[in-house]
Amino acid sequence: MVALRTRARTSMNPAQRALWYIESHLAEPMTLDEIAAISGVSRFHIVRAFAAATGLPVMRYVRARRLTEAARSLANGAPDILSLALEADYGSHEAFTRAFRDQFGTTPEAVRAATCTGHLKLQEPILMDSTISDTLAPPRFETATAFLVAGISERISCDNGAIIPGMWQRFHQEVADIPARVGNVAYGVCCNGDDAGNFDYIAGVEVSDYSDLPRRFGRIRIPEQRYAVFAHTDHVASIRRTVNTIWNQWLPASGLKAADAPSFERYDEKFDPATGNGGFEIWVPVRG
């Protein structure tokens, strides 16, 4: 049985391994490092792979699942809130209550008194579906020389990722105000990511320098870096499926590691921003 379980886990992609570990160890303490180790990838990789597959940060999912199970226990009349708090990996009644209120907008005592969870937005276990693309072409590899990007910048989380199309609309309205532009290629840069799955996104263009750049624009220096370059030929709205395939299928099988550097989309003159068609490239930083 152990051998069968091991083979089953081996055939899983990193996000699936993370989900298996989380659900099978939900009542035990766990850290992001442990989840990454079980998934066979780095912290940097699992944060991005899990978000690409599920739309949620890893540890937020862990927290939401634990609080959901605690809510069910409370609705069933669990008498000792402190015990539930400790089982959910909170060190005190107060810390548990704060997290519970942040998650559900109510208190543990109120849920126990109501004896039901129908009014709560519970986090059910995520079942991985077949969102892996079977048409991903092998990438080419390029070493990008360092360059500067300037444009519309926002901090992105799993809660507000839907604002990115609106950022591109603003970009097209304001790109003429970006001085020292180099070429006609546009870039969607993901950078400065953290363990919670948040990152800075810049919809921008290459510039020669920042000396006259208005303060309202964001800026990022892309360092010299080796990249795997993937062609995304479908509509731009399906980008998440391609990204999920890269992080959860291609990269684990490639023998390469994700480098802690900006990744970006590259939109040349073939891409039509009015229709979302025409295709573009996804550049993923890698190391041997």
Protein backbone atom coordinates (compact mmCIF):
# COMPACT_ATOMS: atom_id res chain seq x y z
CA MET A 1 0.00 0.00 0.00
CA VAL A 2 2.83 2.40 0.83
CA ALA A 3 4.46 1.62 -2.52
CA LEU A 4 1.19 2.27 -4.34
CA ARG A 5 0.77 5.60 -2.58
CA THR A 6 4.32 6.55 -3.43
CA ARG A 7 3.79 5.76 -7.11
CA ALA A 8 0.53 7.71 -7.10
CA ARG A 9 2.23 10.76 -5.62
CA THR A 10 5.11 10.45 -8.07
CA SER A 11 2.71 10.67 -11.01
CA MET A 12 1.16 13.86 -9.67
CA ASN A 13 2.24 17.34 -10.65
CA PRO A 14 3.47 19.74 -7.91
CA ALA A 15 0.06 21.32 -7.24
CA GLN A 16 -1.59 17.90 -6.98
CA ARG A 17 1.10 16.70 -4.58
CA ALA A 18 0.61 19.83 -2.48
CA LEU A 19 -3.17 19.27 -2.35
CA TRP A 20 -2.69 15.62 -1.41
CA TYR A 21 -0.32 16.55 1.41
CA ILE A 22 -2.51 19.38 2.72
CA GLU A 23 -5.69 17.31 2.77
CA SER A 24 -4.02 14.25 4.30
CA HIS A 25 -2.22 16.28 7.01
CA LEU A 26 -4.80 19.00 7.65
CA ALA A 27 -4.88 18.40 11.41
CA GLU A 28 -1.08 18.54 11.71
CA PRO A 29 1.28 21.54 11.72
CA MET A 30 2.71 22.22 8.28
CA THR A 31 4.91 24.85 6.70
CA LEU A 32 5.39 26.11 3.18
CA ASP A 33 8.86 24.52 3.17
CA GLU A 34 7.36 21.13 4.02
CA ILE A 35 4.72 21.43 1.31
CA ALA A 36 7.38 22.42 -1.24
CA ALA A 37 9.58 19.47 -0.22
CA ILE A 38 6.71 17.00 -0.60
CA SER A 39 5.88 18.57 -3.97
CA GLY A 40 9.48 18.10 -5.10
CA VAL A 41 10.07 21.75 -5.97
CA SER A 42 11.29 24.97 -4.34
CA ARG A 43 9.19 27.41 -2.31
CA PHE A 44 9.36 29.82 -5.23
CA HIS A 45 8.05 27.13 -7.60
CA ILE A 46 5.22 25.76 -5.45
CA VAL A 47 3.84 29.23 -4.68
CA ARG A 48 3.49 29.87 -8.41
CA ALA A 49 2.45 26.36 -9.44
CA PHE A 50 -0.28 26.14 -6.81
CA ALA A 51 -1.68 29.58 -7.65
CA ALA A 52 -1.61 28.79 -11.37
CA ALA A 53 -3.56 25.58 -10.80
CA THR A 54 -6.05 26.67 -8.15
CA GLY A 55 -6.20 30.47 -8.11
CA LEU A 56 -5.29 30.47 -4.41
CA PRO A 57 -2.09 30.97 -2.41
CA VAL A 58 -0.92 27.74 -0.77
CA MET A 59 -1.01 28.80 2.85
CA ARG A 60 -4.26 30.72 2.46
CA TYR A 61 -5.82 27.50 1.20
CA VAL A 62 -4.44 25.64 4.22
CA ARG A 63 -5.88 28.27 6.56
CA ALA A 64 -9.27 28.34 4.82
CA ARG A 65 -9.57 24.55 4.88
CA ARG A 66 -8.72 24.36 8.59
CA LEU A 67 -11.17 27.12 9.47
CA THR A 68 -13.85 25.43 7.37
CA GLU A 69 -13.48 22.18 9.28
CA ALA A 70 -13.48 24.11 12.55
CA ALA A 71 -16.71 25.84 11.50
CA ARG A 72 -18.34 22.49 10.82
CA SER A 73 -17.29 21.24 14.24
CA LEU A 74 -18.70 24.36 15.87
CA ALA A 75 -22.01 24.00 14.04
CA ASN A 76 -22.15 20.43 15.34
CA GLY A 77 -21.81 21.74 18.89
CA ALA A 78 -18.09 21.45 19.67
CA PRO A 79 -17.86 22.71 23.26
CA ASP A 80 -14.19 23.72 23.48
CA ILE A 81 -13.15 26.49 21.09
CA LEU A 82 -9.57 26.49 22.38
CA SER A 83 -9.14 22.85 21.38
CA LEU A 84 -10.39 23.66 17.89
CA ALA A 85 -8.00 26.61 17.76
CA LEU A 86 -5.03 24.40 18.64
CA GLU A 87 -6.08 21.74 16.11
CA ALA A 88 -6.21 24.48 13.45
CA ASP A 89 -2.63 25.49 14.39
CA TYR A 90 -3.55 28.70 16.24
CA GLY A 91 -1.79 29.38 19.52
CA SER A 92 -4.70 31.02 21.33
CA HIS A 93 -8.46 31.48 21.38
CA GLU A 94 -7.94 35.14 20.40
CA ALA A 95 -5.78 34.39 17.34
CA PHE A 96 -8.26 31.77 16.18
CA THR A 97 -11.21 34.13 16.62
CA ARG A 98 -9.49 36.88 14.60
CA ALA A 99 -8.69 34.49 11.76
CA PHE A 100 -12.21 33.01 11.88
CA ARG A 101 -13.78 36.46 11.68
CA ASP A 102 -11.50 37.45 8.80
CA GLN A 103 -12.47 34.29 6.92
CA PHE A 104 -16.22 34.18 7.56
CA GLY A 105 -17.25 37.60 8.86
CA THR A 106 -18.60 36.16 12.11
CA THR A 107 -17.34 34.63 15.37
CA PRO A 108 -16.89 30.99 16.36
CA GLU A 109 -19.45 31.47 19.14
CA ALA A 110 -22.05 32.74 16.65
CA VAL A 111 -21.59 29.72 14.40
CA ARG A 112 -21.91 27.36 17.34
CA ALA A 113 -25.09 29.14 18.46
CA ALA A 114 -26.54 29.01 14.92
CA THR A 115 -25.82 25.24 14.67
CA CYS A 116 -25.37 25.52 10.90
CA THR A 117 -22.85 26.69 8.30
CA GLY A 118 -25.26 27.48 5.47
CA HIS A 119 -24.54 31.21 5.74
CA LEU A 120 -20.75 30.76 5.54
CA LYS A 121 -18.58 30.65 2.43
CA LEU A 122 -16.74 27.43 3.19
CA GLN A 123 -13.56 26.31 1.45
CA GLU A 124 -14.21 22.80 0.21
CA PRO A 125 -11.32 20.54 -0.85
CA ILE A 126 -10.14 21.41 -4.34
CA LEU A 127 -10.33 18.55 -6.80
CA MET A 128 -7.74 18.97 -9.53
CA ASP A 129 -9.30 18.96 -12.96
CA SER A 130 -7.73 18.56 -16.39
CA THR A 131 -6.72 22.20 -16.85
CA ILE A 132 -3.37 21.08 -18.28
CA SER A 133 -2.99 21.94 -21.96
CA ASP A 134 -2.10 19.05 -24.28
CA THR A 135 -0.97 21.40 -27.05
CA LEU A 136 1.97 23.14 -25.34
CA ALA A 137 4.82 23.28 -27.84
CA PRO A 138 8.39 22.82 -26.57
CA PRO A 139 10.02 26.13 -25.70
CA ARG A 140 13.09 27.71 -27.16
CA PHE A 141 15.78 28.99 -24.81
CA GLU A 142 17.18 32.49 -24.82
CA THR A 143 19.48 34.47 -22.57
CA ALA A 144 17.93 37.92 -22.31
CA THR A 145 20.27 40.84 -21.84
CA ALA A 146 19.29 43.28 -19.11
CA PHE A 147 16.66 45.86 -20.04
CA LEU A 148 14.31 48.37 -18.40
CA VAL A 149 10.50 48.30 -18.44
CA ALA A 150 8.15 51.12 -17.44
CA GLY A 151 4.36 51.17 -17.37
CA ILE A 152 1.17 50.69 -15.37
CA SER A 153 1.92 48.86 -12.12
CA GLU A 154 -0.25 47.23 -9.47
CA ARG A 155 0.24 44.75 -6.63
CA ILE A 156 -1.67 41.61 -7.57
CA SER A 157 -3.16 38.99 -5.26
CA CYS A 158 -5.42 36.05 -5.99
CA ASP A 159 -8.34 38.29 -5.00
CA ASN A 160 -7.70 41.05 -7.52
CA GLY A 161 -6.05 39.31 -10.49
CA ALA A 162 -9.08 40.21 -12.59
CA ILE A 163 -7.85 43.82 -12.70
CA ILE A 164 -5.02 42.95 -15.12
CA PRO A 165 -7.12 43.40 -18.31
CA GLY A 166 -8.12 46.83 -17.00
CA MET A 167 -4.44 47.66 -16.45
CA TRP A 168 -3.81 46.98 -20.13
CA GLN A 169 -6.66 49.31 -21.07
CA ARG A 170 -5.01 52.04 -18.98
CA PHE A 171 -1.66 51.18 -20.57
CA HIS A 172 -2.99 51.80 -24.08
CA GLN A 173 -4.48 55.10 -22.95
CA GLU A 174 -1.25 56.31 -21.30
CA VAL A 175 1.62 54.64 -23.18
CA ALA A 176 2.23 57.81 -25.20
CA ASP A 177 3.22 59.53 -21.94
CA ILE A 178 6.11 57.11 -21.32
CA PRO A 179 9.36 58.79 -22.46
CA ALA A 180 12.47 57.10 -23.87
CA ARG A 181 10.52 54.17 -25.30
CA VAL A 182 12.52 51.51 -27.14
CA GLY A 183 10.74 49.58 -29.91
CA ASN A 184 7.07 48.61 -30.24
CA VAL A 185 6.96 45.48 -28.04
CA ALA A 186 4.79 45.49 -24.89
CA TYR A 187 5.60 43.49 -21.76
CA GLY A 188 3.48 42.09 -18.95
CA VAL A 189 6.02 41.60 -16.18
CA CYS A 190 5.45 39.56 -13.00
CA CYS A 191 8.01 40.41 -10.32
CA ASN A 192 8.65 40.83 -6.58
CA GLY A 193 6.56 37.79 -5.67
CA ASP A 194 6.13 36.66 -2.07
CA ASP A 195 5.23 33.40 -0.36
CA ALA A 196 1.58 34.43 -0.13
CA GLY A 197 1.30 34.46 -3.92
CA ASN A 198 1.23 38.25 -4.28
CA PHE A 199 3.34 39.91 -6.98
CA ASP A 200 3.82 43.18 -8.83
CA TYR A 201 2.48 43.28 -12.37
CA ILE A 202 3.64 45.90 -14.85
CA ALA A 203 1.95 46.42 -18.20
CA GLY A 204 4.69 48.33 -19.94
CA VAL A 205 7.28 48.91 -22.63
CA GLU A 206 11.05 48.87 -22.80
CA VAL A 207 12.70 52.23 -22.10
CA SER A 208 16.29 53.41 -22.38
CA ASP A 209 16.28 55.14 -18.97
CA TYR A 210 14.00 56.40 -16.20
CA SER A 211 15.32 59.97 -15.93
CA ASP A 212 12.15 61.65 -17.25
CA LEU A 213 9.62 58.96 -16.31
CA PRO A 214 6.54 60.44 -14.55
CA ARG A 215 6.14 59.14 -10.99
CA ARG A 216 2.77 57.53 -11.69
CA PHE A 217 4.44 54.80 -13.75
CA GLY A 218 5.99 51.67 -12.32
CA ARG A 219 9.44 50.48 -13.30
CA ILE A 220 11.44 47.25 -13.24
CA ARG A 221 14.90 46.24 -14.42
CA ILE A 222 14.90 42.81 -16.03
CA PRO A 223 18.34 41.31 -15.29
CA GLU A 224 20.37 39.21 -17.70
CA GLN A 225 18.80 35.78 -17.36
CA ARG A 226 18.24 32.50 -19.19
CA TYR A 227 14.61 31.97 -20.18
CA ALA A 228 12.41 29.20 -21.52
CA VAL A 229 10.22 30.93 -24.10
CA PHE A 230 6.76 29.51 -24.80
CA ALA A 231 4.40 30.51 -27.61
CA HIS A 232 0.81 31.12 -26.50
CA THR A 233 -1.19 30.98 -29.72
CA ASP A 234 -4.73 30.94 -28.31
CA HIS A 235 -6.81 33.87 -27.11
CA VAL A 236 -5.22 35.86 -24.29
CA ALA A 237 -8.06 34.85 -21.94
CA SER A 238 -6.72 31.27 -21.84
CA ILE A 239 -3.29 32.30 -20.57
CA ARG A 240 -3.85 30.74 -17.14
CA ARG A 241 -4.15 27.29 -18.67
CA THR A 242 -0.81 27.69 -20.45
CA VAL A 243 0.87 29.05 -17.31
CA ASN A 244 -0.54 26.16 -15.28
CA THR A 245 0.85 23.69 -17.81
CA ILE A 246 4.29 25.31 -17.72
CA TRP A 247 4.60 25.32 -13.93
CA ASN A 248 2.88 22.02 -13.16
CA GLN A 249 3.85 19.84 -16.12
CA TRP A 250 6.68 21.14 -18.28
CA LEU A 251 9.00 22.59 -15.62
CA PRO A 252 8.95 19.57 -13.25
CA ALA A 253 9.66 17.25 -16.20
CA SER A 254 12.34 19.46 -17.74
CA GLY A 255 15.13 18.84 -15.24
CA LEU A 256 15.45 22.61 -14.84
CA LYS A 257 14.67 24.80 -11.84
CA ALA A 258 12.71 28.03 -11.75
CA ALA A 259 14.98 31.01 -11.24
CA ASP A 260 13.97 33.71 -8.78
CA ALA A 261 13.71 36.43 -11.41
CA PRO A 262 10.93 38.31 -13.23
CA SER A 263 8.82 36.38 -15.72
CA PHE A 264 6.98 38.17 -18.46
CA GLU A 265 4.63 38.07 -21.42
CA ARG A 266 5.99 39.59 -24.64
CA TYR A 267 3.46 41.10 -27.06
CA ASP A 268 4.77 42.07 -30.50
CA GLU A 269 2.99 43.59 -33.50
CA LYS A 270 1.17 40.31 -34.29
CA PHE A 271 -0.91 40.62 -31.10
CA ASP A 272 -4.19 42.54 -31.48
CA PRO A 273 -5.11 44.21 -28.16
CA ALA A 274 -8.60 45.00 -29.47
CA THR A 275 -9.55 41.33 -29.98
CA GLY A 276 -7.06 39.47 -27.72
CA ASN A 277 -5.98 37.35 -30.69
CA GLY A 278 -2.65 37.03 -32.47
CA GLY A 279 -0.64 35.22 -29.82
CA PHE A 280 2.32 36.23 -27.67
CA GLU A 281 5.23 34.70 -25.77
CA ILE A 282 5.61 33.70 -22.13
CA TRP A 283 9.20 33.97 -20.83
CA VAL A 284 9.91 31.84 -17.74
CA PRO A 285 13.27 32.28 -15.94
CA VAL A 286 15.14 29.00 -15.51
CA ARG A 287 18.44 27.66 -14.25
CA GLY A 288 20.14 24.29 -14.70
